[in-house]
Amino acid sequence: MKYDVLIIGGGPVGNYLASILARDYSVAVVEKKNSFGGKACTGIIGAENYETLSLPKKAILNELYGATFYSRIQSFSIGRKSPQAYLVDRKTLERELAKSAMKHGAEYLMSTTFKGFKGGRAVLQHLGETLEVRAEFYIGADGVNSTVAKAMGAKTKAEFLSGYEVEVLGEFEKRNVEVWVNKEITPEFFAWVAPIDEETARVGTFGSIESLNRFLRLRMLKPTKILEFKAGPVGFGWRKPWVRGNVALVGDAALQIKPTTAGGIVYGMLCARALRKALLEDKPENYWNYCSWVRNQISFGLRFRKLFLGLDQEAIEKIFEVLGSKEAREVIESQADFDDHLRTAKAILKRPRLLAKLIKVSPSLIKALL
């Protein structure tokens, strides 16, 4: 078997890449699972980018118009009249993208594991049989623990966390996500409540299973009402290079993940577009530069992550006082972007009164953000 492009990993980013490459190249996708979906993923995608990327409407479970932020002792809400994000069913998203790729000519090798490279070929294991597949270009879209990254000799400098999420019955405001920032409950990350409808939500955090259990008790959600439990890793940092010779990484395999929220679908898909552009130009080395917007967002997110880890709960309460003010909420509601967190931070810091209050909380905060 020989292809122009072999993509290892049939998750949302790998399938999206296959769908946009299959129009110009012979493409095959290797997926170790025997079906799509199944991985831990809250599945919140910014509405604007969902439309820009032409993602399938069929995968949308709920429209989210805003968020309510909770600290240990206070809260505030932001919202708009139009949907700001969609909660999606990952299985449906992956299947629809795979169907699109197949319709454009892509071939899929399910229940197939990538073992490494040998003599310029990809060595695959399928139902006990060893296969060798040659391609002009190989792309690793195989997640945080990427085997392709190891095979190409990519180096990683990152913080890795375990994520835990449940789908649980309760009472929820369907239009709003809940974000809980309380280091006494979840010291390594925030906790989230992403409603599917008024009685079901995806609830999770990163760090430890004990943190999730503490939050469920705080939110008065019963462990006996859990419909589904999932766990999985996330990585905040850099894995380089993103391309070496005729091998590239994309999505979670390249750690194209928001350190602020741990979301990776949009960043991975935007970089998939950049990789396609570089391949069409026959200049894969331009891939890194074409992903400059995503790289800037990751750099900002890593500074924000470092800042968060250094804050105690008292400082977080003071920041909540500033961000919960009428002026700050007006700025956020009018200028914030779901996927462009750097833009959001700059919009807030351009307001002299808000800037002065944040400097008073922590002078290093401004330096870290900008």
Protein backbone atom coordinates (compact mmCIF):
# COMPACT_ATOMS: atom_id res chain seq x y z
CA MET A 1 0.00 0.00 0.00
CA LYS A 2 1.24 3.47 -0.88
CA TYR A 3 -0.33 6.87 -0.22
CA ASP A 4 0.56 10.52 -0.54
CA VAL A 5 -0.29 11.12 3.14
CA LEU A 6 -0.68 8.71 6.06
CA ILE A 7 -2.37 10.20 9.14
CA ILE A 8 -1.87 8.33 12.39
CA GLY A 9 -4.83 9.08 14.66
CA GLY A 10 -8.52 9.31 13.81
CA GLY A 11 -9.66 11.79 16.44
CA PRO A 12 -11.35 15.09 15.59
CA VAL A 13 -8.17 16.79 14.36
CA GLY A 14 -6.89 13.77 12.41
CA ASN A 15 -10.27 13.29 10.73
CA TYR A 16 -10.61 16.99 9.99
CA LEU A 17 -7.15 17.01 8.42
CA ALA A 18 -8.04 13.94 6.36
CA SER A 19 -11.20 15.63 5.10
CA ILE A 20 -9.34 18.71 3.85
CA LEU A 21 -6.33 16.80 2.44
CA ALA A 22 -8.26 14.07 0.64
CA ARG A 23 -9.41 16.55 -2.00
CA ASP A 24 -5.82 16.94 -3.23
CA TYR A 25 -3.97 13.80 -2.10
CA SER A 26 -4.41 10.07 -1.65
CA VAL A 27 -4.91 9.80 2.12
CA ALA A 28 -5.14 6.96 4.63
CA VAL A 29 -5.97 7.28 8.33
CA VAL A 30 -4.75 4.81 10.96
CA GLU A 31 -6.90 4.55 14.10
CA LYS A 32 -6.10 2.13 16.93
CA LYS A 33 -9.64 2.12 18.34
CA ASN A 34 -12.39 0.06 16.72
CA SER A 35 -14.84 2.97 16.75
CA PHE A 36 -14.84 6.75 16.96
CA GLY A 37 -15.22 8.80 20.14
CA GLY A 38 -14.85 7.40 23.62
CA LYS A 39 -12.05 9.67 24.83
CA ALA A 40 -12.36 12.09 27.73
CA CYS A 41 -13.37 15.41 26.20
CA THR A 42 -15.82 18.03 27.43
CA GLY A 43 -16.36 19.09 23.85
CA ILE A 44 -16.85 22.85 24.14
CA ILE A 45 -15.98 24.59 20.87
CA GLY A 46 -16.21 28.34 20.21
CA ALA A 47 -19.21 29.11 18.00
CA GLU A 48 -17.33 31.44 15.65
CA ASN A 49 -14.61 28.91 14.89
CA TYR A 50 -17.17 26.10 14.67
CA GLU A 51 -18.74 27.99 11.77
CA THR A 52 -15.41 29.02 10.25
CA LEU A 53 -14.20 25.42 10.23
CA SER A 54 -17.54 24.23 8.77
CA LEU A 55 -17.96 21.57 11.44
CA PRO A 56 -21.07 19.36 11.38
CA LYS A 57 -24.23 20.80 12.93
CA LYS A 58 -25.33 17.25 13.74
CA ALA A 59 -22.70 17.04 16.50
CA ILE A 60 -24.06 20.02 18.49
CA LEU A 61 -25.77 19.02 21.75
CA ASN A 62 -26.24 22.46 23.32
CA GLU A 63 -25.69 26.16 22.64
CA LEU A 64 -23.86 28.08 25.34
CA TYR A 65 -24.46 31.82 25.69
CA GLY A 66 -22.24 32.69 28.65
CA ALA A 67 -20.57 31.59 31.85
CA THR A 68 -20.87 32.01 35.58
CA PHE A 69 -17.59 32.21 37.50
CA TYR A 70 -17.38 31.12 41.12
CA SER A 71 -14.56 31.58 43.61
CA ARG A 72 -14.71 30.40 47.22
CA ILE A 73 -16.88 33.33 48.36
CA GLN A 74 -18.18 35.21 45.31
CA SER A 75 -19.44 34.90 41.75
CA PHE A 76 -20.26 36.86 38.62
CA SER A 77 -21.81 36.08 35.23
CA ILE A 78 -21.17 37.16 31.66
CA GLY A 79 -23.29 36.46 28.61
CA ARG A 80 -24.42 37.50 25.17
CA LYS A 81 -27.59 37.23 23.14
CA SER A 82 -26.06 34.84 20.60
CA PRO A 83 -24.34 31.47 21.25
CA GLN A 84 -20.66 31.84 22.15
CA ALA A 85 -19.82 28.15 22.14
CA TYR A 86 -21.30 24.76 21.37
CA LEU A 87 -21.21 21.62 23.47
CA VAL A 88 -20.68 18.75 21.05
CA ASP A 89 -20.93 14.99 21.00
CA ARG A 90 -17.39 13.91 20.20
CA LYS A 91 -18.38 10.55 18.74
CA THR A 92 -20.73 12.22 16.27
CA LEU A 93 -18.15 14.90 15.47
CA GLU A 94 -15.46 12.31 14.70
CA ARG A 95 -17.80 10.08 12.68
CA GLU A 96 -19.11 12.95 10.56
CA LEU A 97 -15.60 14.23 9.84
CA ALA A 98 -14.47 10.70 8.97
CA LYS A 99 -17.46 10.29 6.64
CA SER A 100 -16.54 13.55 4.93
CA ALA A 101 -12.95 12.38 4.53
CA MET A 102 -14.09 9.04 3.10
CA LYS A 103 -16.42 10.75 0.63
CA HIS A 104 -13.42 12.71 -0.64
CA GLY A 105 -11.47 9.47 -1.11
CA ALA A 106 -9.67 8.88 2.21
CA GLU A 107 -9.22 5.27 3.33
CA TYR A 108 -9.43 4.22 6.99
CA LEU A 109 -7.58 1.44 8.80
CA MET A 110 -9.47 0.93 12.06
CA SER A 111 -8.24 -1.27 14.95
CA THR A 112 -4.74 -0.59 13.65
CA THR A 113 -1.76 0.46 15.78
CA PHE A 114 1.25 2.45 14.57
CA LYS A 115 4.43 0.77 15.83
CA GLY A 116 7.12 2.99 14.30
CA PHE A 117 9.04 3.68 11.11
CA LYS A 118 11.23 1.20 9.26
CA GLY A 119 13.06 1.94 6.02
CA GLY A 120 10.86 4.92 5.25
CA ARG A 121 7.67 2.95 5.85
CA ALA A 122 5.13 3.01 8.67
CA VAL A 123 4.95 -0.29 10.53
CA LEU A 124 1.37 -1.08 11.54
CA GLN A 125 -0.25 -3.84 13.59
CA HIS A 126 -3.73 -4.89 12.48
CA LEU A 127 -5.54 -7.83 14.07
CA GLY A 128 -2.28 -9.60 14.79
CA GLU A 129 -0.88 -8.96 11.32
CA THR A 130 2.09 -6.66 10.68
CA LEU A 131 1.74 -4.27 7.76
CA GLU A 132 4.22 -1.86 6.20
CA VAL A 133 2.72 1.18 4.49
CA ARG A 134 4.68 3.70 2.47
CA ALA A 135 3.64 7.34 2.16
CA GLU A 136 5.23 10.49 0.86
CA PHE A 137 4.32 12.25 4.11
CA TYR A 138 3.38 11.02 7.59
CA ILE A 139 1.34 12.99 10.14
CA GLY A 140 0.97 12.18 13.82
CA ALA A 141 -2.46 13.12 15.15
CA ASP A 142 -2.24 10.46 17.83
CA GLY A 143 -2.76 12.46 21.01
CA VAL A 144 -0.75 13.67 23.96
CA ASN A 145 1.18 10.39 24.29
CA SER A 146 2.06 10.44 20.61
CA THR A 147 3.97 7.42 19.32
CA VAL A 148 4.76 9.35 16.14
CA ALA A 149 6.41 12.11 18.21
CA LYS A 150 8.67 9.53 19.84
CA ALA A 151 9.46 7.94 16.48
CA MET A 152 10.47 11.26 14.91
CA GLY A 153 12.60 12.24 17.92
CA ALA A 154 10.52 15.21 19.07
CA LYS A 155 11.48 16.68 22.44
CA THR A 156 8.89 17.62 25.03
CA LYS A 157 8.96 20.26 27.74
CA ALA A 158 5.52 20.31 29.31
CA GLU A 159 3.37 19.91 32.39
CA PHE A 160 1.16 16.83 32.23
CA LEU A 161 -2.06 16.48 34.22
CA SER A 162 -4.71 13.81 34.52
CA GLY A 163 -8.24 14.93 33.75
CA TYR A 164 -11.39 13.46 35.26
CA GLU A 165 -14.91 14.08 34.03
CA VAL A 166 -18.35 12.67 34.72
CA GLU A 167 -21.69 13.05 33.04
CA VAL A 168 -24.11 13.47 35.90
CA LEU A 169 -27.75 14.17 36.65
CA GLY A 170 -28.64 17.35 38.55
CA GLU A 171 -30.14 20.77 38.04
CA PHE A 172 -28.36 23.12 35.63
CA GLU A 173 -28.80 26.39 33.76
CA LYS A 174 -28.73 25.13 30.19
CA ARG A 175 -27.38 28.33 28.59
CA ASN A 176 -24.36 28.87 30.87
CA VAL A 177 -21.13 27.07 31.68
CA GLU A 178 -19.98 27.15 35.31
CA VAL A 179 -16.30 27.82 36.10
CA TRP A 180 -15.23 27.25 39.72
CA VAL A 181 -11.86 28.59 40.88
CA ASN A 182 -11.25 27.40 44.43
CA LYS A 183 -7.81 26.08 45.27
CA GLU A 184 -9.07 24.57 48.50
CA ILE A 185 -11.18 22.21 46.38
CA THR A 186 -9.30 21.91 43.08
CA PRO A 187 -5.74 23.19 43.67
CA GLU A 188 -4.25 22.38 40.24
CA PHE A 189 -6.98 23.64 37.90
CA PHE A 190 -10.47 25.05 37.87
CA ALA A 191 -13.57 22.85 37.91
CA TRP A 192 -16.24 23.10 35.24
CA VAL A 193 -19.90 22.31 34.74
CA ALA A 194 -20.89 22.12 31.07
CA PRO A 195 -24.64 21.55 30.73
CA ILE A 196 -26.03 19.25 28.07
CA ASP A 197 -29.55 20.19 29.11
CA GLU A 198 -31.38 21.25 32.27
CA GLU A 199 -30.80 17.91 34.01
CA THR A 200 -27.50 16.59 32.61
CA ALA A 201 -24.01 18.08 32.55
CA ARG A 202 -20.36 17.20 32.02
CA VAL A 203 -18.49 17.99 35.23
CA GLY A 204 -14.75 17.74 35.67
CA THR A 205 -11.34 19.05 36.62
CA PHE A 206 -7.65 18.28 36.20
CA GLY A 207 -5.31 17.08 38.92
CA SER A 208 -6.62 14.20 41.03
CA ILE A 209 -9.76 12.13 41.37
CA GLU A 210 -9.99 13.44 44.94
CA SER A 211 -10.31 16.99 43.56
CA LEU A 212 -13.24 15.92 41.41
CA ASN A 213 -14.91 14.16 44.36
CA ARG A 214 -14.50 17.28 46.53
CA PHE A 215 -16.05 19.42 43.82
CA LEU A 216 -19.00 17.07 43.33
CA ARG A 217 -19.73 17.38 47.04
CA LEU A 218 -19.37 21.18 46.91
CA ARG A 219 -21.74 21.37 43.92
CA MET A 220 -24.08 18.92 45.69
CA LEU A 221 -23.99 16.42 42.83
CA LYS A 222 -24.49 12.82 43.86
CA PRO A 223 -21.97 10.13 42.85
CA THR A 224 -24.93 7.75 42.60
CA LYS A 225 -26.31 9.89 39.75
CA ILE A 226 -23.27 9.56 37.48
CA LEU A 227 -24.11 8.31 33.98
CA GLU A 228 -20.57 8.13 32.64
CA PHE A 229 -16.99 8.53 33.87
CA LYS A 230 -13.96 9.33 31.72
CA ALA A 231 -10.32 10.10 32.39
CA GLY A 232 -7.41 11.17 30.23
CA PRO A 233 -4.16 13.16 30.14
CA VAL A 234 -3.45 16.67 28.92
CA GLY A 235 -0.14 18.44 28.31
CA PHE A 236 0.63 22.14 28.62
CA GLY A 237 3.87 23.19 26.98
CA TRP A 238 5.91 22.54 23.86
CA ARG A 239 6.77 19.52 21.81
CA LYS A 240 9.27 20.29 19.06
CA PRO A 241 9.75 20.10 16.19
CA TRP A 242 6.28 20.06 14.73
CA VAL A 243 7.77 18.93 11.42
CA ARG A 244 10.96 17.02 10.63
CA GLY A 245 11.65 15.82 7.12
CA ASN A 246 8.47 14.11 5.87
CA VAL A 247 6.88 13.70 9.31
CA ALA A 248 4.70 16.26 11.11
CA LEU A 249 2.66 16.48 14.30
CA VAL A 250 -0.74 18.12 14.68
CA GLY A 251 -3.34 18.59 17.42
CA ASP A 252 -2.69 17.12 20.86
CA ALA A 253 0.31 15.22 19.47
CA ALA A 254 1.98 18.62 18.97
CA LEU A 255 0.54 19.91 22.28
CA GLN A 256 -1.55 22.46 20.38
CA ILE A 257 -3.65 22.82 23.53
CA LYS A 258 -4.93 25.88 25.41
CA PRO A 259 -3.12 25.99 28.79
CA THR A 260 -5.97 28.20 30.03
CA THR A 261 -8.80 25.71 29.47
CA ALA A 262 -7.15 22.49 28.17
CA GLY A 263 -9.18 22.67 24.95
CA GLY A 264 -7.36 21.46 21.86
CA ILE A 265 -9.85 20.83 19.06
CA VAL A 266 -9.91 24.33 17.53
CA TYR A 267 -6.17 24.98 17.82
CA GLY A 268 -5.46 21.57 16.29
CA MET A 269 -7.84 22.17 13.39
CA LEU A 270 -6.46 25.64 12.69
CA CYS A 271 -2.98 24.13 12.57
CA ALA A 272 -4.31 21.34 10.33
CA ARG A 273 -5.28 24.06 7.88
CA ALA A 274 -1.81 25.57 8.17
CA LEU A 275 -0.22 22.17 7.52
CA ARG A 276 -2.36 21.66 4.43
CA LYS A 277 -1.24 25.04 3.10
CA ALA A 278 2.43 24.16 3.66
CA LEU A 279 2.01 20.78 1.95
CA LEU A 280 0.24 22.28 -1.05
CA GLU A 281 3.18 24.66 -1.43
CA ASP A 282 5.54 21.69 -1.09
CA LYS A 283 7.18 23.56 1.80
CA PRO A 284 6.31 21.63 4.99
CA GLU A 285 8.98 23.61 6.83
CA ASN A 286 6.61 26.62 6.70
CA TYR A 287 4.06 24.80 8.89
CA TRP A 288 5.52 26.20 12.14
CA ASN A 289 5.35 29.78 10.88
CA TYR A 290 1.84 29.37 9.52
CA CYS A 291 0.72 28.39 13.03
CA SER A 292 1.99 31.63 14.57
CA TRP A 293 -1.44 32.68 15.93
CA VAL A 294 -1.85 29.38 17.76
CA ARG A 295 1.74 29.55 19.05
CA ASN A 296 1.12 33.05 20.44
CA GLN A 297 -2.01 31.82 22.19
CA ILE A 298 -0.10 28.89 23.72
CA SER A 299 2.71 31.19 24.88
CA PHE A 300 0.17 33.46 26.55
CA GLY A 301 -1.61 30.48 28.07
CA LEU A 302 1.61 29.15 29.56
CA ARG A 303 2.30 32.51 31.21
CA PHE A 304 -1.26 32.54 32.54
CA ARG A 305 -0.87 28.98 33.81
CA LYS A 306 2.35 29.88 35.66
CA LEU A 307 0.60 32.89 37.17
CA PHE A 308 -2.36 30.77 38.31
CA LEU A 309 -0.11 28.22 40.00
CA GLY A 310 1.61 31.01 41.94
CA LEU A 311 -1.59 32.63 43.24
CA ASP A 312 -3.14 31.79 46.57
CA GLN A 313 -6.91 31.86 47.11
CA GLU A 314 -6.77 35.30 48.74
CA ALA A 315 -5.27 36.77 45.55
CA ILE A 316 -7.83 34.94 43.44
CA GLU A 317 -10.62 36.54 45.51
CA LYS A 318 -9.16 39.99 44.84
CA ILE A 319 -8.97 39.28 41.11
CA PHE A 320 -12.59 38.13 41.19
CA GLU A 321 -13.53 41.47 42.75
CA VAL A 322 -11.94 43.26 39.80
CA LEU A 323 -13.29 40.99 37.07
CA GLY A 324 -16.74 40.92 38.64
CA SER A 325 -17.03 44.71 38.52
CA LYS A 326 -19.48 46.29 36.09
CA GLU A 327 -16.70 47.80 33.98
CA ALA A 328 -14.81 44.52 33.63
CA ARG A 329 -17.95 42.57 32.79
CA GLU A 330 -18.85 45.10 30.12
CA VAL A 331 -15.39 44.74 28.56
CA ILE A 332 -15.56 40.96 28.64
CA GLU A 333 -19.08 40.82 27.21
CA SER A 334 -18.28 43.25 24.39
CA GLN A 335 -14.75 42.21 23.43
CA ALA A 336 -13.88 38.76 24.78
CA ASP A 337 -13.27 35.95 22.30
CA PHE A 338 -13.83 32.32 23.31
CA ASP A 339 -10.64 31.11 21.63
CA ASP A 340 -8.51 34.29 21.68
CA HIS A 341 -7.63 34.64 25.35
CA LEU A 342 -4.73 36.99 24.63
CA ARG A 343 -7.15 39.45 23.03
CA THR A 344 -9.43 39.21 26.05
CA ALA A 345 -6.59 39.96 28.47
CA LYS A 346 -5.41 42.95 26.43
CA ALA A 347 -8.93 44.37 26.29
CA ILE A 348 -9.15 44.31 30.09
CA LEU A 349 -5.67 45.75 30.64
CA LYS A 350 -6.40 48.68 28.29
CA ARG A 351 -8.82 50.04 30.90
CA PRO A 352 -6.77 52.25 33.27
CA ARG A 353 -8.95 51.64 36.35
CA LEU A 354 -8.96 47.89 35.86
CA LEU A 355 -5.22 47.89 35.19
CA ALA A 356 -4.52 49.86 38.37
CA LYS A 357 -6.63 47.49 40.46
CA LEU A 358 -4.92 44.41 39.04
CA ILE A 359 -1.46 45.91 39.62
CA LYS A 360 -2.48 46.49 43.22
CA VAL A 361 -3.35 42.80 43.54
CA SER A 362 -0.04 41.68 42.05
CA PRO A 363 2.46 43.76 40.02
CA SER A 364 3.83 40.54 38.51
CA LEU A 365 0.37 39.70 37.19
CA ILE A 366 0.57 42.32 34.42
CA LYS A 367 4.04 41.24 33.38
CA ALA A 368 2.92 37.63 33.23
CA LEU A 369 -0.09 38.40 31.08
CA LEU A 370 1.66 40.70 28.60
